Amino acid sequence: MLEKQRGVTIWLTGLSGAGKTTICRFLETELRSQGYKIEVLDGDIVRQNLSKGLTFSKEDRDENIRRIGFVAQLLTRNNVIVLVSVISPYRAIREEVKERIGDFIEVYVNAPLEVCEQRDVKGLYKKARAGEIKNFTGIDDLYEIPLEPDVECKTNQESVVQSANKVLIRLEELGYINSLLLPQFQNNYSRI
């Protein structure tokens, strides 16, 4: 049994198709297997349940992020590790949420736009390029990259395991988890 864990929000931000949800699922599985209390707030699922009716205007996107941030804050202060997977394209609202939560790790899931478009299983980029979807991040709406993320995962250059280990190492360095480096990767990863 784990000693009492500390709550923290791990905020994965990046373009659609960058790999946020994939890394999030991997982290969830690994942390749960070690006995940590985990909650996942996925942008798509939250939009269907907590933010239904909001549009993709800047104001509504900011409101969506505030709502996600509020739930993450409640969970974090109750010593839950919260995995948030959401595009959250605007830097100012990410900073606002970070300030409110406090125990917060920003993970920039970085993949070039062309790679994200190749991975697009839902066909959203194709629809955006055809004008069928307006205000689509990366096409006709901007994504403001984090200036100083706590972790950067370059998903076009590294595996899911490598990306997940970067996050796990940061969590360990900050005292949120015990050593949890994934066994299949321990011998191949230098701590930077």
N, C-alpha and C. Protein backbone atom coordinates (compact mmCIF):
# COMPACT_ATOMS: atom_id res chain seq x y z
N MET A 1 0.84 -1.19 0.00
CA MET A 1 0.00 0.00 0.00
C MET A 1 0.88 1.25 0.00
N LEU A 2 0.50 2.23 -0.80
CA LEU A 2 1.26 3.48 -0.87
C LEU A 2 1.04 4.32 0.37
N GLU A 3 2.08 5.08 0.72
CA GLU A 3 1.87 6.10 1.73
C GLU A 3 0.94 7.13 1.11
N LYS A 4 0.45 8.05 1.93
CA LYS A 4 -0.46 9.07 1.40
C LYS A 4 0.19 9.79 0.21
N GLN A 5 -0.50 9.80 -0.90
CA GLN A 5 0.05 10.45 -2.08
C GLN A 5 -0.28 11.93 -2.09
N ARG A 6 0.53 12.70 -2.81
CA ARG A 6 0.28 14.13 -3.01
C ARG A 6 -0.49 14.31 -4.31
N GLY A 7 -1.45 15.21 -4.28
CA GLY A 7 -2.19 15.51 -5.49
C GLY A 7 -1.40 16.40 -6.42
N VAL A 8 -1.62 16.22 -7.71
CA VAL A 8 -0.98 17.03 -8.74
C VAL A 8 -1.81 16.91 -10.01
N THR A 9 -1.84 17.99 -10.77
CA THR A 9 -2.46 17.97 -12.09
C THR A 9 -1.37 17.90 -13.14
N ILE A 10 -1.45 16.92 -14.01
CA ILE A 10 -0.54 16.78 -15.14
C ILE A 10 -1.34 17.20 -16.36
N TRP A 11 -1.01 18.37 -16.90
CA TRP A 11 -1.79 19.00 -17.96
C TRP A 11 -1.10 18.78 -19.30
N LEU A 12 -1.64 17.86 -20.12
CA LEU A 12 -1.06 17.58 -21.43
C LEU A 12 -1.74 18.46 -22.47
N THR A 13 -0.95 19.32 -23.09
CA THR A 13 -1.46 20.27 -24.07
C THR A 13 -0.72 20.08 -25.40
N GLY A 14 -1.42 20.32 -26.49
CA GLY A 14 -0.82 20.19 -27.82
C GLY A 14 -1.91 20.11 -28.87
N LEU A 15 -1.50 20.12 -30.10
CA LEU A 15 -2.44 20.05 -31.21
C LEU A 15 -3.24 18.75 -31.21
N SER A 16 -4.37 18.76 -31.86
CA SER A 16 -5.15 17.54 -32.08
C SER A 16 -4.27 16.56 -32.86
N GLY A 17 -4.17 15.34 -32.37
CA GLY A 17 -3.36 14.33 -33.04
C GLY A 17 -1.91 14.31 -32.60
N ALA A 18 -1.52 15.15 -31.65
CA ALA A 18 -0.12 15.20 -31.20
C ALA A 18 0.24 13.98 -30.36
N GLY A 19 -0.76 13.37 -29.70
CA GLY A 19 -0.48 12.19 -28.88
C GLY A 19 -0.83 12.37 -27.41
N LYS A 20 -1.58 13.39 -27.08
CA LYS A 20 -1.94 13.67 -25.68
C LYS A 20 -2.70 12.50 -25.05
N THR A 21 -3.74 12.05 -25.70
CA THR A 21 -4.58 10.98 -25.15
C THR A 21 -3.80 9.68 -25.05
N THR A 22 -2.96 9.39 -26.02
CA THR A 22 -2.16 8.16 -25.99
C THR A 22 -1.22 8.15 -24.80
N ILE A 23 -0.51 9.26 -24.58
CA ILE A 23 0.39 9.36 -23.43
C ILE A 23 -0.41 9.31 -22.14
N CYS A 24 -1.53 10.00 -22.12
CA CYS A 24 -2.40 10.03 -20.94
C CYS A 24 -2.85 8.62 -20.55
N ARG A 25 -3.31 7.85 -21.50
CA ARG A 25 -3.77 6.48 -21.23
C ARG A 25 -2.63 5.62 -20.69
N PHE A 26 -1.47 5.79 -21.28
CA PHE A 26 -0.30 5.03 -20.84
C PHE A 26 0.05 5.38 -19.40
N LEU A 27 0.09 6.67 -19.09
CA LEU A 27 0.38 7.12 -17.72
C LEU A 27 -0.68 6.61 -16.74
N GLU A 28 -1.94 6.69 -17.15
CA GLU A 28 -3.02 6.22 -16.29
C GLU A 28 -2.83 4.75 -15.93
N THR A 29 -2.58 3.92 -16.92
CA THR A 29 -2.40 2.49 -16.69
C THR A 29 -1.22 2.23 -15.77
N GLU A 30 -0.10 2.89 -16.04
CA GLU A 30 1.11 2.66 -15.25
C GLU A 30 0.94 3.13 -13.81
N LEU A 31 0.40 4.31 -13.62
CA LEU A 31 0.23 4.84 -12.26
C LEU A 31 -0.80 4.04 -11.47
N ARG A 32 -1.89 3.66 -12.11
CA ARG A 32 -2.90 2.83 -11.42
C ARG A 32 -2.31 1.48 -11.01
N SER A 33 -1.47 0.90 -11.87
CA SER A 33 -0.88 -0.40 -11.56
C SER A 33 0.03 -0.32 -10.33
N GLN A 34 0.49 0.88 -10.02
CA GLN A 34 1.35 1.08 -8.84
C GLN A 34 0.54 1.53 -7.62
N GLY A 35 -0.79 1.58 -7.76
CA GLY A 35 -1.65 1.88 -6.62
C GLY A 35 -1.99 3.34 -6.42
N TYR A 36 -1.63 4.21 -7.35
CA TYR A 36 -1.95 5.64 -7.22
C TYR A 36 -3.41 5.90 -7.57
N LYS A 37 -4.00 6.88 -6.85
CA LYS A 37 -5.37 7.32 -7.17
C LYS A 37 -5.26 8.29 -8.35
N ILE A 38 -5.96 7.96 -9.43
CA ILE A 38 -5.87 8.70 -10.69
C ILE A 38 -7.26 9.07 -11.17
N GLU A 39 -7.38 10.27 -11.71
CA GLU A 39 -8.58 10.65 -12.47
C GLU A 39 -8.10 11.24 -13.79
N VAL A 40 -8.85 10.96 -14.84
CA VAL A 40 -8.53 11.47 -16.17
C VAL A 40 -9.62 12.43 -16.61
N LEU A 41 -9.20 13.60 -17.05
CA LEU A 41 -10.12 14.58 -17.63
C LEU A 41 -9.71 14.77 -19.08
N ASP A 42 -10.40 14.08 -19.96
CA ASP A 42 -10.11 14.15 -21.39
C ASP A 42 -10.98 15.23 -22.02
N GLY A 43 -10.38 16.08 -22.83
CA GLY A 43 -11.07 17.21 -23.42
C GLY A 43 -12.36 16.85 -24.14
N ASP A 44 -12.34 15.79 -24.94
CA ASP A 44 -13.53 15.39 -25.69
C ASP A 44 -14.66 14.94 -24.76
N ILE A 45 -14.31 14.17 -23.75
CA ILE A 45 -15.31 13.65 -22.82
C ILE A 45 -15.88 14.77 -21.95
N VAL A 46 -15.00 15.66 -21.49
CA VAL A 46 -15.47 16.79 -20.68
C VAL A 46 -16.42 17.67 -21.47
N ARG A 47 -16.09 17.90 -22.75
CA ARG A 47 -16.95 18.74 -23.59
C ARG A 47 -18.35 18.15 -23.72
N GLN A 48 -18.46 16.84 -23.78
CA GLN A 48 -19.77 16.19 -23.91
C GLN A 48 -20.57 16.26 -22.61
N ASN A 49 -19.90 16.31 -21.46
CA ASN A 49 -20.59 16.19 -20.19
C ASN A 49 -20.61 17.45 -19.35
N LEU A 50 -19.51 18.17 -19.28
CA LEU A 50 -19.41 19.34 -18.41
C LEU A 50 -19.54 20.65 -19.18
N SER A 51 -19.19 20.63 -20.43
CA SER A 51 -19.15 21.87 -21.21
C SER A 51 -20.05 21.81 -22.44
N LYS A 52 -21.06 20.96 -22.40
CA LYS A 52 -21.98 20.84 -23.53
C LYS A 52 -22.60 22.21 -23.81
N GLY A 53 -22.70 22.55 -25.06
CA GLY A 53 -23.30 23.82 -25.43
C GLY A 53 -22.28 24.92 -25.68
N LEU A 54 -21.05 24.73 -25.23
CA LEU A 54 -20.02 25.73 -25.51
C LEU A 54 -19.57 25.60 -26.96
N THR A 55 -19.27 26.72 -27.57
CA THR A 55 -18.79 26.72 -28.95
C THR A 55 -17.26 26.65 -28.95
N PHE A 56 -16.68 26.90 -30.09
CA PHE A 56 -15.22 26.91 -30.20
C PHE A 56 -14.69 28.34 -30.35
N SER A 57 -15.49 29.31 -29.90
CA SER A 57 -14.99 30.69 -29.85
C SER A 57 -13.92 30.76 -28.77
N LYS A 58 -13.09 31.79 -28.81
CA LYS A 58 -12.05 31.93 -27.80
C LYS A 58 -12.65 32.00 -26.41
N GLU A 59 -13.73 32.74 -26.24
CA GLU A 59 -14.37 32.88 -24.92
C GLU A 59 -14.86 31.55 -24.40
N ASP A 60 -15.51 30.77 -25.26
CA ASP A 60 -16.03 29.47 -24.83
C ASP A 60 -14.91 28.47 -24.59
N ARG A 61 -13.86 28.54 -25.40
CA ARG A 61 -12.71 27.65 -25.15
C ARG A 61 -12.09 27.96 -23.79
N ASP A 62 -11.95 29.25 -23.49
CA ASP A 62 -11.40 29.64 -22.19
C ASP A 62 -12.30 29.16 -21.06
N GLU A 63 -13.61 29.27 -21.24
CA GLU A 63 -14.56 28.80 -20.22
C GLU A 63 -14.45 27.29 -20.04
N ASN A 64 -14.29 26.57 -21.12
CA ASN A 64 -14.11 25.12 -21.05
C ASN A 64 -12.88 24.78 -20.22
N ILE A 65 -11.77 25.47 -20.48
CA ILE A 65 -10.53 25.21 -19.75
C ILE A 65 -10.69 25.59 -18.28
N ARG A 66 -11.39 26.68 -17.99
CA ARG A 66 -11.64 27.04 -16.59
C ARG A 66 -12.43 25.95 -15.87
N ARG A 67 -13.42 25.39 -16.53
CA ARG A 67 -14.22 24.32 -15.92
C ARG A 67 -13.37 23.08 -15.65
N ILE A 68 -12.57 22.71 -16.63
CA ILE A 68 -11.68 21.57 -16.45
C ILE A 68 -10.70 21.86 -15.31
N GLY A 69 -10.17 23.07 -15.31
CA GLY A 69 -9.24 23.47 -14.26
C GLY A 69 -9.86 23.44 -12.88
N PHE A 70 -11.12 23.85 -12.77
CA PHE A 70 -11.82 23.82 -11.49
C PHE A 70 -11.95 22.40 -10.96
N VAL A 71 -12.36 21.47 -11.82
CA VAL A 71 -12.49 20.07 -11.42
C VAL A 71 -11.11 19.52 -11.05
N ALA A 72 -10.10 19.83 -11.85
CA ALA A 72 -8.73 19.36 -11.57
C ALA A 72 -8.25 19.90 -10.22
N GLN A 73 -8.56 21.15 -9.92
CA GLN A 73 -8.16 21.74 -8.65
C GLN A 73 -8.79 21.00 -7.47
N LEU A 74 -10.08 20.70 -7.56
CA LEU A 74 -10.78 19.98 -6.50
C LEU A 74 -10.13 18.61 -6.26
N LEU A 75 -9.86 17.91 -7.34
CA LEU A 75 -9.26 16.58 -7.22
C LEU A 75 -7.84 16.67 -6.67
N THR A 76 -7.06 17.62 -7.17
CA THR A 76 -5.67 17.78 -6.74
C THR A 76 -5.59 18.06 -5.25
N ARG A 77 -6.44 18.95 -4.76
CA ARG A 77 -6.37 19.28 -3.34
C ARG A 77 -6.83 18.11 -2.46
N ASN A 78 -7.47 17.12 -3.06
CA ASN A 78 -7.87 15.90 -2.35
C ASN A 78 -6.90 14.75 -2.65
N ASN A 79 -5.67 15.12 -3.00
CA ASN A 79 -4.55 14.18 -3.17
C ASN A 79 -4.76 13.14 -4.26
N VAL A 80 -5.39 13.56 -5.34
CA VAL A 80 -5.54 12.70 -6.51
C VAL A 80 -4.56 13.19 -7.57
N ILE A 81 -4.00 12.27 -8.32
CA ILE A 81 -3.19 12.63 -9.49
C ILE A 81 -4.16 12.76 -10.65
N VAL A 82 -4.23 13.96 -11.22
CA VAL A 82 -5.19 14.27 -12.27
C VAL A 82 -4.45 14.36 -13.60
N LEU A 83 -4.87 13.57 -14.55
CA LEU A 83 -4.31 13.61 -15.90
C LEU A 83 -5.31 14.36 -16.79
N VAL A 84 -4.90 15.51 -17.29
CA VAL A 84 -5.75 16.33 -18.15
C VAL A 84 -5.18 16.27 -19.56
N SER A 85 -6.01 15.85 -20.51
CA SER A 85 -5.61 15.76 -21.91
C SER A 85 -6.55 16.66 -22.71
N VAL A 86 -6.04 17.85 -23.06
CA VAL A 86 -6.89 18.84 -23.72
C VAL A 86 -6.02 19.78 -24.55
N ILE A 87 -6.49 20.15 -25.73
CA ILE A 87 -5.69 21.03 -26.60
C ILE A 87 -5.28 22.29 -25.86
N SER A 88 -6.21 22.96 -25.22
CA SER A 88 -5.97 24.23 -24.49
C SER A 88 -4.99 25.13 -25.24
N PRO A 89 -5.45 25.72 -26.35
CA PRO A 89 -4.54 26.42 -27.25
C PRO A 89 -3.99 27.75 -26.76
N TYR A 90 -4.61 28.34 -25.75
CA TYR A 90 -4.21 29.71 -25.37
C TYR A 90 -3.39 29.71 -24.08
N ARG A 91 -2.23 30.33 -24.18
CA ARG A 91 -1.25 30.37 -23.09
C ARG A 91 -1.81 31.03 -21.84
N ALA A 92 -2.51 32.14 -21.97
CA ALA A 92 -2.98 32.89 -20.79
C ALA A 92 -3.92 32.07 -19.92
N ILE A 93 -4.82 31.33 -20.53
CA ILE A 93 -5.77 30.54 -19.73
C ILE A 93 -5.06 29.35 -19.10
N ARG A 94 -4.06 28.79 -19.78
CA ARG A 94 -3.28 27.71 -19.16
C ARG A 94 -2.55 28.24 -17.93
N GLU A 95 -2.00 29.44 -18.04
CA GLU A 95 -1.30 30.06 -16.90
C GLU A 95 -2.26 30.34 -15.76
N GLU A 96 -3.46 30.81 -16.09
CA GLU A 96 -4.48 31.09 -15.07
C GLU A 96 -4.82 29.81 -14.29
N VAL A 97 -5.03 28.73 -15.01
CA VAL A 97 -5.37 27.45 -14.37
C VAL A 97 -4.20 26.95 -13.54
N LYS A 98 -2.99 27.08 -14.07
CA LYS A 98 -1.79 26.65 -13.35
C LYS A 98 -1.68 27.39 -12.02
N GLU A 99 -1.90 28.70 -12.04
CA GLU A 99 -1.84 29.50 -10.81
C GLU A 99 -2.88 29.04 -9.80
N ARG A 100 -4.07 28.76 -10.27
CA ARG A 100 -5.16 28.37 -9.38
C ARG A 100 -4.89 27.01 -8.74
N ILE A 101 -4.38 26.07 -9.52
CA ILE A 101 -4.18 24.72 -9.02
C ILE A 101 -2.93 24.61 -8.15
N GLY A 102 -1.85 25.24 -8.55
CA GLY A 102 -0.61 25.19 -7.77
C GLY A 102 0.24 23.97 -8.07
N ASP A 103 -0.20 22.80 -7.64
CA ASP A 103 0.51 21.56 -7.94
C ASP A 103 0.16 21.16 -9.37
N PHE A 104 1.00 21.58 -10.30
CA PHE A 104 0.64 21.56 -11.72
C PHE A 104 1.90 21.28 -12.53
N ILE A 105 1.82 20.33 -13.43
CA ILE A 105 2.93 20.03 -14.34
C ILE A 105 2.40 20.17 -15.76
N GLU A 106 2.96 21.13 -16.49
CA GLU A 106 2.55 21.34 -17.87
C GLU A 106 3.40 20.48 -18.79
N VAL A 107 2.73 19.64 -19.57
CA VAL A 107 3.40 18.75 -20.51
C VAL A 107 3.02 19.20 -21.92
N TYR A 108 4.00 19.67 -22.66
CA TYR A 108 3.77 20.07 -24.05
C TYR A 108 3.98 18.85 -24.94
N VAL A 109 2.90 18.35 -25.50
CA VAL A 109 2.96 17.21 -26.41
C VAL A 109 3.12 17.81 -27.81
N ASN A 110 4.35 17.74 -28.28
CA ASN A 110 4.78 18.46 -29.46
C ASN A 110 4.93 17.51 -30.65
N ALA A 111 4.17 17.81 -31.68
CA ALA A 111 4.31 17.12 -32.97
C ALA A 111 4.02 18.15 -34.05
N PRO A 112 4.78 18.14 -35.13
CA PRO A 112 4.52 19.09 -36.22
C PRO A 112 3.11 18.91 -36.78
N LEU A 113 2.55 20.01 -37.26
CA LEU A 113 1.19 19.99 -37.82
C LEU A 113 1.03 18.90 -38.88
N GLU A 114 2.01 18.75 -39.77
CA GLU A 114 1.88 17.74 -40.83
C GLU A 114 1.80 16.33 -40.26
N VAL A 115 2.49 16.07 -39.16
CA VAL A 115 2.42 14.75 -38.51
C VAL A 115 1.04 14.56 -37.88
N CYS A 116 0.55 15.60 -37.22
CA CYS A 116 -0.79 15.52 -36.63
C CYS A 116 -1.85 15.26 -37.69
N GLU A 117 -1.70 15.91 -38.85
CA GLU A 117 -2.66 15.69 -39.94
C GLU A 117 -2.59 14.24 -40.45
N GLN A 118 -1.41 13.67 -40.52
CA GLN A 118 -1.26 12.27 -40.96
C GLN A 118 -1.91 11.31 -39.98
N ARG A 119 -1.89 11.65 -38.70
CA ARG A 119 -2.44 10.78 -37.65
C ARG A 119 -3.95 10.95 -37.48
N ASP A 120 -4.54 11.87 -38.15
CA ASP A 120 -5.92 12.30 -37.92
C ASP A 120 -6.95 11.23 -38.29
N VAL A 121 -7.26 10.36 -37.33
CA VAL A 121 -8.20 9.27 -37.60
C VAL A 121 -9.64 9.75 -37.74
N LYS A 122 -9.97 10.89 -37.15
CA LYS A 122 -11.35 11.41 -37.22
C LYS A 122 -11.59 12.26 -38.47
N GLY A 123 -10.54 12.57 -39.20
CA GLY A 123 -10.69 13.38 -40.40
C GLY A 123 -10.98 14.85 -40.13
N LEU A 124 -10.65 15.32 -38.92
CA LEU A 124 -10.96 16.71 -38.54
C LEU A 124 -10.12 17.72 -39.31
N TYR A 125 -8.85 17.43 -39.50
CA TYR A 125 -7.99 18.37 -40.24
C TYR A 125 -8.47 18.50 -41.68
N LYS A 126 -8.85 17.38 -42.28
CA LYS A 126 -9.35 17.40 -43.65
C LYS A 126 -10.60 18.27 -43.75
N LYS A 127 -11.51 18.11 -42.77
CA LYS A 127 -12.72 18.93 -42.75
C LYS A 127 -12.39 20.41 -42.53
N ALA A 128 -11.43 20.68 -41.67
CA ALA A 128 -11.03 22.06 -41.41
C ALA A 128 -10.42 22.70 -42.65
N ARG A 129 -9.58 21.95 -43.33
CA ARG A 129 -8.95 22.47 -44.56
C ARG A 129 -9.99 22.70 -45.66
N ALA A 130 -11.07 21.91 -45.63
CA ALA A 130 -12.15 22.07 -46.62
C ALA A 130 -13.14 23.15 -46.20
N GLY A 131 -12.94 23.76 -45.04
CA GLY A 131 -13.83 24.82 -44.57
C GLY A 131 -15.08 24.31 -43.87
N GLU A 132 -15.14 23.01 -43.61
CA GLU A 132 -16.32 22.44 -42.96
C GLU A 132 -16.31 22.66 -41.44
N ILE A 133 -15.12 22.85 -40.88
CA ILE A 133 -14.98 23.15 -39.45
C ILE A 133 -14.26 24.49 -39.34
N LYS A 134 -14.85 25.40 -38.60
CA LYS A 134 -14.26 26.73 -38.41
C LYS A 134 -13.54 26.79 -37.06
N ASN A 135 -12.57 27.69 -36.96
CA ASN A 135 -11.80 27.91 -35.73
C ASN A 135 -11.09 26.64 -35.26
N PHE A 136 -10.54 25.89 -36.20
CA PHE A 136 -9.86 24.65 -35.84
C PHE A 136 -8.40 24.96 -35.51
N THR A 137 -7.99 24.55 -34.32
CA THR A 137 -6.64 24.85 -33.84
C THR A 137 -5.59 24.28 -34.78
N GLY A 138 -4.67 25.14 -35.17
CA GLY A 138 -3.58 24.75 -36.06
C GLY A 138 -3.87 25.04 -37.52
N ILE A 139 -5.15 25.23 -37.86
CA ILE A 139 -5.53 25.53 -39.25
C ILE A 139 -5.97 26.99 -39.35
N ASP A 140 -7.11 27.34 -38.78
CA ASP A 140 -7.54 28.74 -38.83
C ASP A 140 -7.70 29.37 -37.45
N ASP A 141 -7.14 28.71 -36.44
CA ASP A 141 -7.04 29.29 -35.10
C ASP A 141 -5.67 28.91 -34.56
N LEU A 142 -5.09 29.81 -33.79
CA LEU A 142 -3.72 29.60 -33.36
C LEU A 142 -3.59 28.66 -32.18
N TYR A 143 -2.41 28.09 -32.04
CA TYR A 143 -2.02 27.34 -30.86
C TYR A 143 -0.77 28.03 -30.32
N GLU A 144 -0.86 28.50 -29.10
CA GLU A 144 0.27 29.19 -28.47
C GLU A 144 1.08 28.16 -27.68
N ILE A 145 2.27 27.86 -28.20
CA ILE A 145 3.08 26.83 -27.55
C ILE A 145 3.52 27.29 -26.16
N PRO A 146 3.62 26.37 -25.23
CA PRO A 146 4.11 26.74 -23.89
C PRO A 146 5.54 27.27 -23.99
N LEU A 147 5.81 28.35 -23.27
CA LEU A 147 7.14 28.95 -23.30
C LEU A 147 8.13 28.17 -22.44
N GLU A 148 7.68 27.68 -21.30
CA GLU A 148 8.55 26.92 -20.40
C GLU A 148 7.79 25.73 -19.82
N PRO A 149 7.47 24.74 -20.66
CA PRO A 149 6.76 23.58 -20.12
C PRO A 149 7.65 22.81 -19.15
N ASP A 150 7.02 22.12 -18.22
CA ASP A 150 7.78 21.30 -17.29
C ASP A 150 8.35 20.07 -17.99
N VAL A 151 7.64 19.60 -19.01
CA VAL A 151 8.08 18.45 -19.81
C VAL A 151 7.67 18.71 -21.25
N GLU A 152 8.55 18.36 -22.18
CA GLU A 152 8.18 18.41 -23.60
C GLU A 152 8.36 17.02 -24.19
N CYS A 153 7.30 16.50 -24.78
CA CYS A 153 7.32 15.20 -25.43
C CYS A 153 7.25 15.43 -26.94
N LYS A 154 8.29 15.03 -27.64
CA LYS A 154 8.34 15.19 -29.10
C LYS A 154 7.89 13.86 -29.72
N THR A 155 6.59 13.76 -29.92
CA THR A 155 6.01 12.45 -30.27
C THR A 155 6.32 11.99 -31.69
N ASN A 156 6.87 12.84 -32.50
CA ASN A 156 7.30 12.39 -33.83
C ASN A 156 8.72 11.84 -33.78
N GLN A 157 9.39 11.97 -32.63
CA GLN A 157 10.77 11.52 -32.49
C GLN A 157 10.96 10.47 -31.41
N GLU A 158 9.96 10.28 -30.55
CA GLU A 158 10.12 9.35 -29.43
C GLU A 158 8.88 8.47 -29.30
N SER A 159 9.07 7.33 -28.67
CA SER A 159 7.97 6.40 -28.48
C SER A 159 7.07 6.86 -27.35
N VAL A 160 5.91 6.23 -27.22
CA VAL A 160 5.00 6.52 -26.12
C VAL A 160 5.70 6.25 -24.79
N VAL A 161 6.46 5.16 -24.72
CA VAL A 161 7.17 4.82 -23.49
C VAL A 161 8.19 5.91 -23.14
N GLN A 162 8.91 6.39 -24.13
CA GLN A 162 9.89 7.46 -23.88
C GLN A 162 9.19 8.72 -23.38
N SER A 163 8.09 9.09 -24.02
CA SER A 163 7.34 10.27 -23.60
C SER A 163 6.80 10.10 -22.18
N ALA A 164 6.20 8.94 -21.91
CA ALA A 164 5.63 8.68 -20.58
C ALA A 164 6.72 8.72 -19.52
N ASN A 165 7.88 8.17 -19.82
CA ASN A 165 8.98 8.18 -18.85
C ASN A 165 9.44 9.58 -18.53
N LYS A 166 9.43 10.47 -19.50
CA LYS A 166 9.79 11.87 -19.23
C LYS A 166 8.87 12.45 -18.16
N VAL A 167 7.58 12.15 -18.29
CA VAL A 167 6.60 12.66 -17.32
C VAL A 167 6.81 12.00 -15.97
N LEU A 168 7.01 10.68 -15.95
CA LEU A 168 7.21 9.96 -14.70
C LEU A 168 8.46 10.45 -13.97
N ILE A 169 9.53 10.70 -14.71
CA ILE A 169 10.76 11.21 -14.10
C ILE A 169 10.52 12.57 -13.46
N ARG A 170 9.78 13.43 -14.15
CA ARG A 170 9.49 14.76 -13.59
C ARG A 170 8.64 14.62 -12.32
N LEU A 171 7.65 13.74 -12.34
CA LEU A 171 6.82 13.51 -11.16
C LEU A 171 7.67 13.03 -9.98
N GLU A 172 8.61 12.15 -10.28
CA GLU A 172 9.50 11.64 -9.23
C GLU A 172 10.40 12.75 -8.71
N GLU A 173 10.99 13.53 -9.62
CA GLU A 173 11.88 14.63 -9.21
C GLU A 173 11.18 15.61 -8.28
N LEU A 174 9.89 15.85 -8.53
CA LEU A 174 9.13 16.81 -7.73
C LEU A 174 8.50 16.17 -6.49
N GLY A 175 8.71 14.88 -6.30
CA GLY A 175 8.24 14.21 -5.10
C GLY A 175 6.79 13.77 -5.10
N TYR A 176 6.17 13.70 -6.28
CA TYR A 176 4.77 13.28 -6.36
C TYR A 176 4.62 11.76 -6.39
N ILE A 177 5.63 11.07 -6.91
CA ILE A 177 5.58 9.60 -6.98
C ILE A 177 6.93 9.04 -6.56
N ASN A 178 6.93 7.75 -6.22
CA ASN A 178 8.17 7.03 -5.99
C ASN A 178 8.76 6.66 -7.34
N SER A 179 9.98 6.17 -7.35
CA SER A 179 10.63 5.78 -8.59
C SER A 179 9.73 4.80 -9.35
N LEU A 180 9.45 5.12 -10.61
CA LEU A 180 8.49 4.35 -11.37
C LEU A 180 8.92 4.17 -12.82
N LEU A 181 10.21 4.34 -13.09
CA LEU A 181 10.66 4.25 -14.47
C LEU A 181 10.27 2.89 -15.04
N LEU A 182 9.68 2.91 -16.19
CA LEU A 182 9.16 1.68 -16.78
C LEU A 182 10.30 0.70 -17.07
N PRO A 183 10.17 -0.55 -16.63
CA PRO A 183 11.27 -1.52 -16.71
C PRO A 183 11.84 -1.70 -18.11
N GLN A 184 11.00 -1.74 -19.12
CA GLN A 184 11.48 -2.00 -20.47
C GLN A 184 12.32 -0.85 -21.01
N PHE A 185 12.40 0.25 -20.24
CA PHE A 185 13.09 1.43 -20.73
C PHE A 185 14.19 1.88 -19.81
N GLN A 186 14.31 1.29 -18.63
CA GLN A 186 15.25 1.76 -17.61
C GLN A 186 16.67 1.84 -18.11
N ASN A 187 17.13 0.87 -18.86
CA ASN A 187 18.52 0.84 -19.27
C ASN A 187 18.82 1.74 -20.47
N ASN A 188 17.79 2.26 -21.10
CA ASN A 188 17.99 3.05 -22.32
C ASN A 188 17.75 4.54 -22.15
N TYR A 189 17.45 4.96 -20.93
CA TYR A 189 17.06 6.36 -20.77
C TYR A 189 17.97 7.06 -19.79
N SER A 190 18.61 8.10 -20.24
CA SER A 190 19.46 8.88 -19.32
C SER A 190 18.60 9.98 -18.70
N ARG A 191 18.77 10.19 -17.43
CA ARG A 191 18.04 11.25 -16.73
C ARG A 191 18.73 12.56 -17.04
N ILE A 192 17.97 13.47 -17.60
CA ILE A 192 18.54 14.76 -18.00
C ILE A 192 18.32 15.77 -16.91
